Amino acid sequence: MGMGGGLMLPRPVPMERIRREGQRLGYTGEALEDFVTIIACIDDLYVEVEVRRTADEARAVVVRAKK
């Protein structure tokens, strides 16, 4: 990533997309709601971890650039 580079941050998967995938897999009713909740939570954690990792990498670049 150079001075003109940008950050690519992950975005959460839309709930409707998760719901459609659950339906495609055959989930219905309460099982579908559980599927959506579980996958959305996993996705939220993934996004959080990736944003922190990206921020740490950006900080490291700034520190190296100041030396």
PDB file of N, CA and C in Angstrom:
ATOM      1  N   MET A   1       0.857  -1.173   0.000  1.00  0.00           N
ATOM      2  CA  MET A   1       0.000   0.000   0.000  1.00  0.00           C
ATOM      3  C   MET A   1       0.897   1.227   0.000  1.00  0.00           C
ATOM      4  N   GLY A   2       0.813   2.011  -1.048  1.00  0.00           N
ATOM      5  CA  GLY A   2       1.604   3.215  -1.146  1.00  0.00           C
ATOM      6  C   GLY A   2       0.853   4.417  -0.613  1.00  0.00           C
ATOM      7  N   MET A   3       1.438   5.572  -0.798  1.00  0.00           N
ATOM      8  CA  MET A   3       0.796   6.793  -0.305  1.00  0.00           C
ATOM      9  C   MET A   3      -0.567   7.015  -0.958  1.00  0.00           C
ATOM     10  N   GLY A   4      -0.717   6.592  -2.197  1.00  0.00           N
ATOM     11  CA  GLY A   4      -1.990   6.763  -2.893  1.00  0.00           C
ATOM     12  C   GLY A   4      -2.920   5.579  -2.700  1.00  0.00           C
ATOM     13  N   GLY A   5      -2.482   4.582  -1.950  1.00  0.00           N
ATOM     14  CA  GLY A   5      -3.284   3.372  -1.751  1.00  0.00           C
ATOM     15  C   GLY A   5      -4.460   3.629  -0.839  1.00  0.00           C
ATOM     16  N   GLY A   6      -5.427   2.757  -0.934  1.00  0.00           N
ATOM     17  CA  GLY A   6      -6.600   2.880  -0.081  1.00  0.00           C
ATOM     18  C   GLY A   6      -6.775   1.636   0.755  1.00  0.00           C
ATOM     19  N   LEU A   7      -7.653   1.732   1.696  1.00  0.00           N
ATOM     20  CA  LEU A   7      -7.947   0.581   2.547  1.00  0.00           C
ATOM     21  C   LEU A   7      -9.181  -0.130   2.020  1.00  0.00           C
ATOM     22  N   MET A   8      -9.116  -1.430   1.955  1.00  0.00           N
ATOM     23  CA  MET A   8     -10.270  -2.237   1.588  1.00  0.00           C
ATOM     24  C   MET A   8     -10.766  -2.904   2.868  1.00  0.00           C
ATOM     25  N   LEU A   9     -11.891  -2.433   3.378  1.00  0.00           N
ATOM     26  CA  LEU A   9     -12.442  -2.998   4.598  1.00  0.00           C
ATOM     27  C   LEU A   9     -13.607  -3.918   4.247  1.00  0.00           C
ATOM     28  N   PRO A  10     -13.712  -5.037   4.958  1.00  0.00           N
ATOM     29  CA  PRO A  10     -14.827  -5.944   4.690  1.00  0.00           C
ATOM     30  C   PRO A  10     -16.141  -5.323   5.141  1.00  0.00           C
ATOM     31  N   ARG A  11     -17.201  -5.680   4.455  1.00  0.00           N
ATOM     32  CA  ARG A  11     -18.533  -5.213   4.844  1.00  0.00           C
ATOM     33  C   ARG A  11     -19.365  -6.413   5.246  1.00  0.00           C
ATOM     34  N   PRO A  12     -20.273  -6.214   6.188  1.00  0.00           N
ATOM     35  CA  PRO A  12     -21.123  -7.341   6.597  1.00  0.00           C
ATOM     36  C   PRO A  12     -21.975  -7.848   5.441  1.00  0.00           C
ATOM     37  N   VAL A  13     -22.226  -9.141   5.452  1.00  0.00           N
ATOM     38  CA  VAL A  13     -23.122  -9.742   4.469  1.00  0.00           C
ATOM     39  C   VAL A  13     -24.548  -9.297   4.824  1.00  0.00           C
ATOM     40  N   PRO A  14     -25.307  -8.809   3.848  1.00  0.00           N
ATOM     41  CA  PRO A  14     -26.678  -8.386   4.147  1.00  0.00           C
ATOM     42  C   PRO A  14     -27.527  -9.542   4.693  1.00  0.00           C
ATOM     43  N   MET A  15     -28.364  -9.221   5.675  1.00  0.00           N
ATOM     44  CA  MET A  15     -29.203 -10.244   6.310  1.00  0.00           C
ATOM     45  C   MET A  15     -30.078 -10.973   5.293  1.00  0.00           C
ATOM     46  N   GLU A  16     -30.608 -10.250   4.330  1.00  0.00           N
ATOM     47  CA  GLU A  16     -31.481 -10.887   3.342  1.00  0.00           C
ATOM     48  C   GLU A  16     -30.712 -11.916   2.515  1.00  0.00           C
ATOM     49  N   ARG A  17     -29.465 -11.640   2.247  1.00  0.00           N
ATOM     50  CA  ARG A  17     -28.640 -12.605   1.505  1.00  0.00           C
ATOM     51  C   ARG A  17     -28.401 -13.862   2.344  1.00  0.00           C
ATOM     52  N   ILE A  18     -28.165 -13.671   3.645  1.00  0.00           N
ATOM     53  CA  ILE A  18     -27.993 -14.814   4.549  1.00  0.00           C
ATOM     54  C   ILE A  18     -29.294 -15.621   4.602  1.00  0.00           C
ATOM     55  N   ARG A  19     -30.411 -14.930   4.696  1.00  0.00           N
ATOM     56  CA  ARG A  19     -31.718 -15.600   4.758  1.00  0.00           C
ATOM     57  C   ARG A  19     -31.968 -16.421   3.480  1.00  0.00           C
ATOM     58  N   ARG A  20     -31.685 -15.822   2.322  1.00  0.00           N
ATOM     59  CA  ARG A  20     -31.879 -16.544   1.055  1.00  0.00           C
ATOM     60  C   ARG A  20     -31.017 -17.796   0.999  1.00  0.00           C
ATOM     61  N   GLU A  21     -29.786 -17.685   1.485  1.00  0.00           N
ATOM     62  CA  GLU A  21     -28.897 -18.855   1.484  1.00  0.00           C
ATOM     63  C   GLU A  21     -29.447 -19.933   2.414  1.00  0.00           C
ATOM     64  N   GLY A  22     -29.943 -19.535   3.577  1.00  0.00           N
ATOM     65  CA  GLY A  22     -30.550 -20.504   4.489  1.00  0.00           C
ATOM     66  C   GLY A  22     -31.738 -21.198   3.861  1.00  0.00           C
ATOM     67  N   GLN A  23     -32.563 -20.432   3.162  1.00  0.00           N
ATOM     68  CA  GLN A  23     -33.714 -21.021   2.474  1.00  0.00           C
ATOM     69  C   GLN A  23     -33.258 -21.969   1.381  1.00  0.00           C
ATOM     70  N   ARG A  24     -32.228 -21.573   0.639  1.00  0.00           N
ATOM     71  CA  ARG A  24     -31.686 -22.441  -0.419  1.00  0.00           C
ATOM     72  C   ARG A  24     -31.197 -23.764   0.156  1.00  0.00           C
ATOM     73  N   LEU A  25     -30.649 -23.695   1.367  1.00  0.00           N
ATOM     74  CA  LEU A  25     -30.149 -24.904   2.022  1.00  0.00           C
ATOM     75  C   LEU A  25     -31.267 -25.735   2.658  1.00  0.00           C
ATOM     76  N   GLY A  26     -32.490 -25.209   2.643  1.00  0.00           N
ATOM     77  CA  GLY A  26     -33.627 -25.968   3.134  1.00  0.00           C
ATOM     78  C   GLY A  26     -34.088 -25.635   4.536  1.00  0.00           C
ATOM     79  N   TYR A  27     -33.526 -24.601   5.139  1.00  0.00           N
ATOM     80  CA  TYR A  27     -33.967 -24.207   6.477  1.00  0.00           C
ATOM     81  C   TYR A  27     -35.308 -23.481   6.395  1.00  0.00           C
ATOM     82  N   THR A  28     -36.160 -23.733   7.358  1.00  0.00           N
ATOM     83  CA  THR A  28     -37.457 -23.045   7.444  1.00  0.00           C
ATOM     84  C   THR A  28     -37.756 -22.724   8.900  1.00  0.00           C
ATOM     85  N   GLY A  29     -38.700 -21.807   9.103  1.00  0.00           N
ATOM     86  CA  GLY A  29     -39.185 -21.498  10.446  1.00  0.00           C
ATOM     87  C   GLY A  29     -38.092 -21.103  11.414  1.00  0.00           C
ATOM     88  N   GLU A  30     -38.160 -21.700  12.607  1.00  0.00           N
ATOM     89  CA  GLU A  30     -37.209 -21.375  13.666  1.00  0.00           C
ATOM     90  C   GLU A  30     -35.783 -21.747  13.289  1.00  0.00           C
ATOM     91  N   ALA A  31     -35.627 -22.842  12.561  1.00  0.00           N
ATOM     92  CA  ALA A  31     -34.284 -23.252  12.121  1.00  0.00           C
ATOM     93  C   ALA A  31     -33.674 -22.199  11.199  1.00  0.00           C
ATOM     94  N   LEU A  32     -34.495 -21.616  10.330  1.00  0.00           N
ATOM     95  CA  LEU A  32     -34.005 -20.559   9.441  1.00  0.00           C
ATOM     96  C   LEU A  32     -33.583 -19.341  10.251  1.00  0.00           C
ATOM     97  N   GLU A  33     -34.386 -18.959  11.230  1.00  0.00           N
ATOM     98  CA  GLU A  33     -34.044 -17.812  12.073  1.00  0.00           C
ATOM     99  C   GLU A  33     -32.752 -18.074  12.838  1.00  0.00           C
ATOM    100  N   ASP A  34     -32.575 -19.287  13.348  1.00  0.00           N
ATOM    101  CA  ASP A  34     -31.329 -19.648  14.039  1.00  0.00           C
ATOM    102  C   ASP A  34     -30.147 -19.563  13.081  1.00  0.00           C
ATOM    103  N   PHE A  35     -30.323 -20.074  11.872  1.00  0.00           N
ATOM    104  CA  PHE A  35     -29.267 -20.033  10.853  1.00  0.00           C
ATOM    105  C   PHE A  35     -28.850 -18.585  10.594  1.00  0.00           C
ATOM    106  N   VAL A  36     -29.836 -17.706  10.368  1.00  0.00           N
ATOM    107  CA  VAL A  36     -29.553 -16.302  10.080  1.00  0.00           C
ATOM    108  C   VAL A  36     -28.813 -15.654  11.254  1.00  0.00           C
ATOM    109  N   THR A  37     -29.266 -15.897  12.460  1.00  0.00           N
ATOM    110  CA  THR A  37     -28.637 -15.314  13.645  1.00  0.00           C
ATOM    111  C   THR A  37     -27.194 -15.783  13.798  1.00  0.00           C
ATOM    112  N   ILE A  38     -26.981 -17.075  13.659  1.00  0.00           N
ATOM    113  CA  ILE A  38     -25.629 -17.637  13.827  1.00  0.00           C
ATOM    114  C   ILE A  38     -24.679 -17.113  12.764  1.00  0.00           C
ATOM    115  N   ILE A  39     -25.099 -17.155  11.508  1.00  0.00           N
ATOM    116  CA  ILE A  39     -24.219 -16.701  10.423  1.00  0.00           C
ATOM    117  C   ILE A  39     -23.946 -15.203  10.543  1.00  0.00           C
ATOM    118  N   ALA A  40     -24.953 -14.411  10.891  1.00  0.00           N
ATOM    119  CA  ALA A  40     -24.753 -12.969  11.053  1.00  0.00           C
ATOM    120  C   ALA A  40     -23.759 -12.681  12.179  1.00  0.00           C
ATOM    121  N   CYS A  41     -23.834 -13.423  13.269  1.00  0.00           N
ATOM    122  CA  CYS A  41     -22.884 -13.234  14.384  1.00  0.00           C
ATOM    123  C   CYS A  41     -21.466 -13.591  13.960  1.00  0.00           C
ATOM    124  N   ILE A  42     -21.326 -14.690  13.247  1.00  0.00           N
ATOM    125  CA  ILE A  42     -20.003 -15.084  12.752  1.00  0.00           C
ATOM    126  C   ILE A  42     -19.459 -14.017  11.810  1.00  0.00           C
ATOM    127  N   ASP A  43     -20.309 -13.511  10.930  1.00  0.00           N
ATOM    128  CA  ASP A  43     -19.885 -12.482   9.989  1.00  0.00           C
ATOM    129  C   ASP A  43     -19.477 -11.207  10.720  1.00  0.00           C
ATOM    130  N   ASP A  44     -20.236 -10.810  11.738  1.00  0.00           N
ATOM    131  CA  ASP A  44     -19.880  -9.623  12.523  1.00  0.00           C
ATOM    132  C   ASP A  44     -18.503  -9.775  13.160  1.00  0.00           C
ATOM    133  N   LEU A  45     -18.227 -10.953  13.703  1.00  0.00           N
ATOM    134  CA  LEU A  45     -16.918 -11.197  14.312  1.00  0.00           C
ATOM    135  C   LEU A  45     -15.806 -11.148  13.272  1.00  0.00           C
ATOM    136  N   TYR A  46     -16.061 -11.733  12.110  1.00  0.00           N
ATOM    137  CA  TYR A  46     -15.067 -11.700  11.026  1.00  0.00           C
ATOM    138  C   TYR A  46     -14.741 -10.254  10.639  1.00  0.00           C
ATOM    139  N   VAL A  47     -15.791  -9.449  10.444  1.00  0.00           N
ATOM    140  CA  VAL A  47     -15.577  -8.047  10.059  1.00  0.00           C
ATOM    141  C   VAL A  47     -14.772  -7.328  11.140  1.00  0.00           C
ATOM    142  N   GLU A  48     -15.115  -7.530  12.394  1.00  0.00           N
ATOM    143  CA  GLU A  48     -14.394  -6.882  13.493  1.00  0.00           C
ATOM    144  C   GLU A  48     -12.914  -7.266  13.495  1.00  0.00           C
ATOM    145  N   VAL A  49     -12.621  -8.543  13.358  1.00  0.00           N
ATOM    146  CA  VAL A  49     -11.236  -9.013  13.358  1.00  0.00           C
ATOM    147  C   VAL A  49     -10.470  -8.434  12.167  1.00  0.00           C
ATOM    148  N   GLU A  50     -11.090  -8.430  11.002  1.00  0.00           N
ATOM    149  CA  GLU A  50     -10.412  -7.917   9.808  1.00  0.00           C
ATOM    150  C   GLU A  50     -10.173  -6.413   9.887  1.00  0.00           C
ATOM    151  N   VAL A  51     -11.108  -5.657  10.438  1.00  0.00           N
ATOM    152  CA  VAL A  51     -10.918  -4.212  10.584  1.00  0.00           C
ATOM    153  C   VAL A  51      -9.761  -3.941  11.546  1.00  0.00           C
ATOM    154  N   ARG A  52      -9.723  -4.678  12.647  1.00  0.00           N
ATOM    155  CA  ARG A  52      -8.610  -4.500  13.598  1.00  0.00           C
ATOM    156  C   ARG A  52      -7.276  -4.861  12.965  1.00  0.00           C
ATOM    157  N   ARG A  53      -7.244  -5.954  12.200  1.00  0.00           N
ATOM    158  CA  ARG A  53      -6.013  -6.372  11.537  1.00  0.00           C
ATOM    159  C   ARG A  53      -5.557  -5.304  10.547  1.00  0.00           C
ATOM    160  N   THR A  54      -6.490  -4.776   9.778  1.00  0.00           N
ATOM    161  CA  THR A  54      -6.168  -3.742   8.801  1.00  0.00           C
ATOM    162  C   THR A  54      -5.654  -2.478   9.496  1.00  0.00           C
ATOM    163  N   ALA A  55      -6.283  -2.115  10.600  1.00  0.00           N
ATOM    164  CA  ALA A  55      -5.833  -0.941  11.353  1.00  0.00           C
ATOM    165  C   ALA A  55      -4.428  -1.149  11.898  1.00  0.00           C
ATOM    166  N   ASP A  56      -4.148  -2.337  12.412  1.00  0.00           N
ATOM    167  CA  ASP A  56      -2.805  -2.639  12.925  1.00  0.00           C
ATOM    168  C   ASP A  56      -1.768  -2.550  11.808  1.00  0.00           C
ATOM    169  N   GLU A  57      -2.106  -3.078  10.638  1.00  0.00           N
ATOM    170  CA  GLU A  57      -1.186  -3.016   9.503  1.00  0.00           C
ATOM    171  C   GLU A  57      -0.952  -1.568   9.073  1.00  0.00           C
ATOM    172  N   ALA A  58      -2.008  -0.762   9.055  1.00  0.00           N
ATOM    173  CA  ALA A  58      -1.871   0.643   8.669  1.00  0.00           C
ATOM    174  C   ALA A  58      -0.994   1.391   9.676  1.00  0.00           C
ATOM    175  N   ARG A  59      -1.179   1.117  10.969  1.00  0.00           N
ATOM    176  CA  ARG A  59      -0.338   1.745  11.991  1.00  0.00           C
ATOM    177  C   ARG A  59       1.129   1.370  11.786  1.00  0.00           C
ATOM    178  N   ALA A  60       1.380   0.112  11.475  1.00  0.00           N
ATOM    179  CA  ALA A  60       2.749  -0.347  11.270  1.00  0.00           C
ATOM    180  C   ALA A  60       3.386   0.371  10.067  1.00  0.00           C
ATOM    181  N   VAL A  61       2.620   0.596   9.027  1.00  0.00           N
ATOM    182  CA  VAL A  61       3.123   1.318   7.858  1.00  0.00           C
ATOM    183  C   VAL A  61       3.487   2.752   8.231  1.00  0.00           C
ATOM    184  N   VAL A  62       2.640   3.393   9.016  1.00  0.00           N
ATOM    185  CA  VAL A  62       2.896   4.769   9.450  1.00  0.00           C
ATOM    186  C   VAL A  62       4.158   4.824  10.304  1.00  0.00           C
ATOM    187  N   VAL A  63       4.303   3.897  11.229  1.00  0.00           N
ATOM    188  CA  VAL A  63       5.493   3.865  12.092  1.00  0.00           C
ATOM    189  C   VAL A  63       6.751   3.680  11.257  1.00  0.00           C
ATOM    190  N   ARG A  64       6.707   2.744  10.292  1.00  0.00           N
ATOM    191  CA  ARG A  64       7.878   2.529   9.422  1.00  0.00           C
ATOM    192  C   ARG A  64       8.181   3.782   8.592  1.00  0.00           C
ATOM    193  N   ALA A  65       7.158   4.475   8.136  1.00  0.00           N
ATOM    194  CA  ALA A  65       7.347   5.651   7.296  1.00  0.00           C
ATOM    195  C   ALA A  65       7.978   6.800   8.092  1.00  0.00           C
ATOM    196  N   LYS A  66       7.722   6.845   9.387  1.00  0.00           N
ATOM    197  CA  LYS A  66       8.280   7.919  10.216  1.00  0.00           C
ATOM    198  C   LYS A  66       9.741   7.710  10.540  1.00  0.00           C
ATOM    199  N   LYS A  67      10.251   6.502  10.343  1.00  0.00           N
ATOM    200  CA  LYS A  67      11.658   6.213  10.685  1.00  0.00           C
ATOM    201  C   LYS A  67      12.602   6.692   9.614  1.00  0.00           C
TER     202      LYS A  67
END
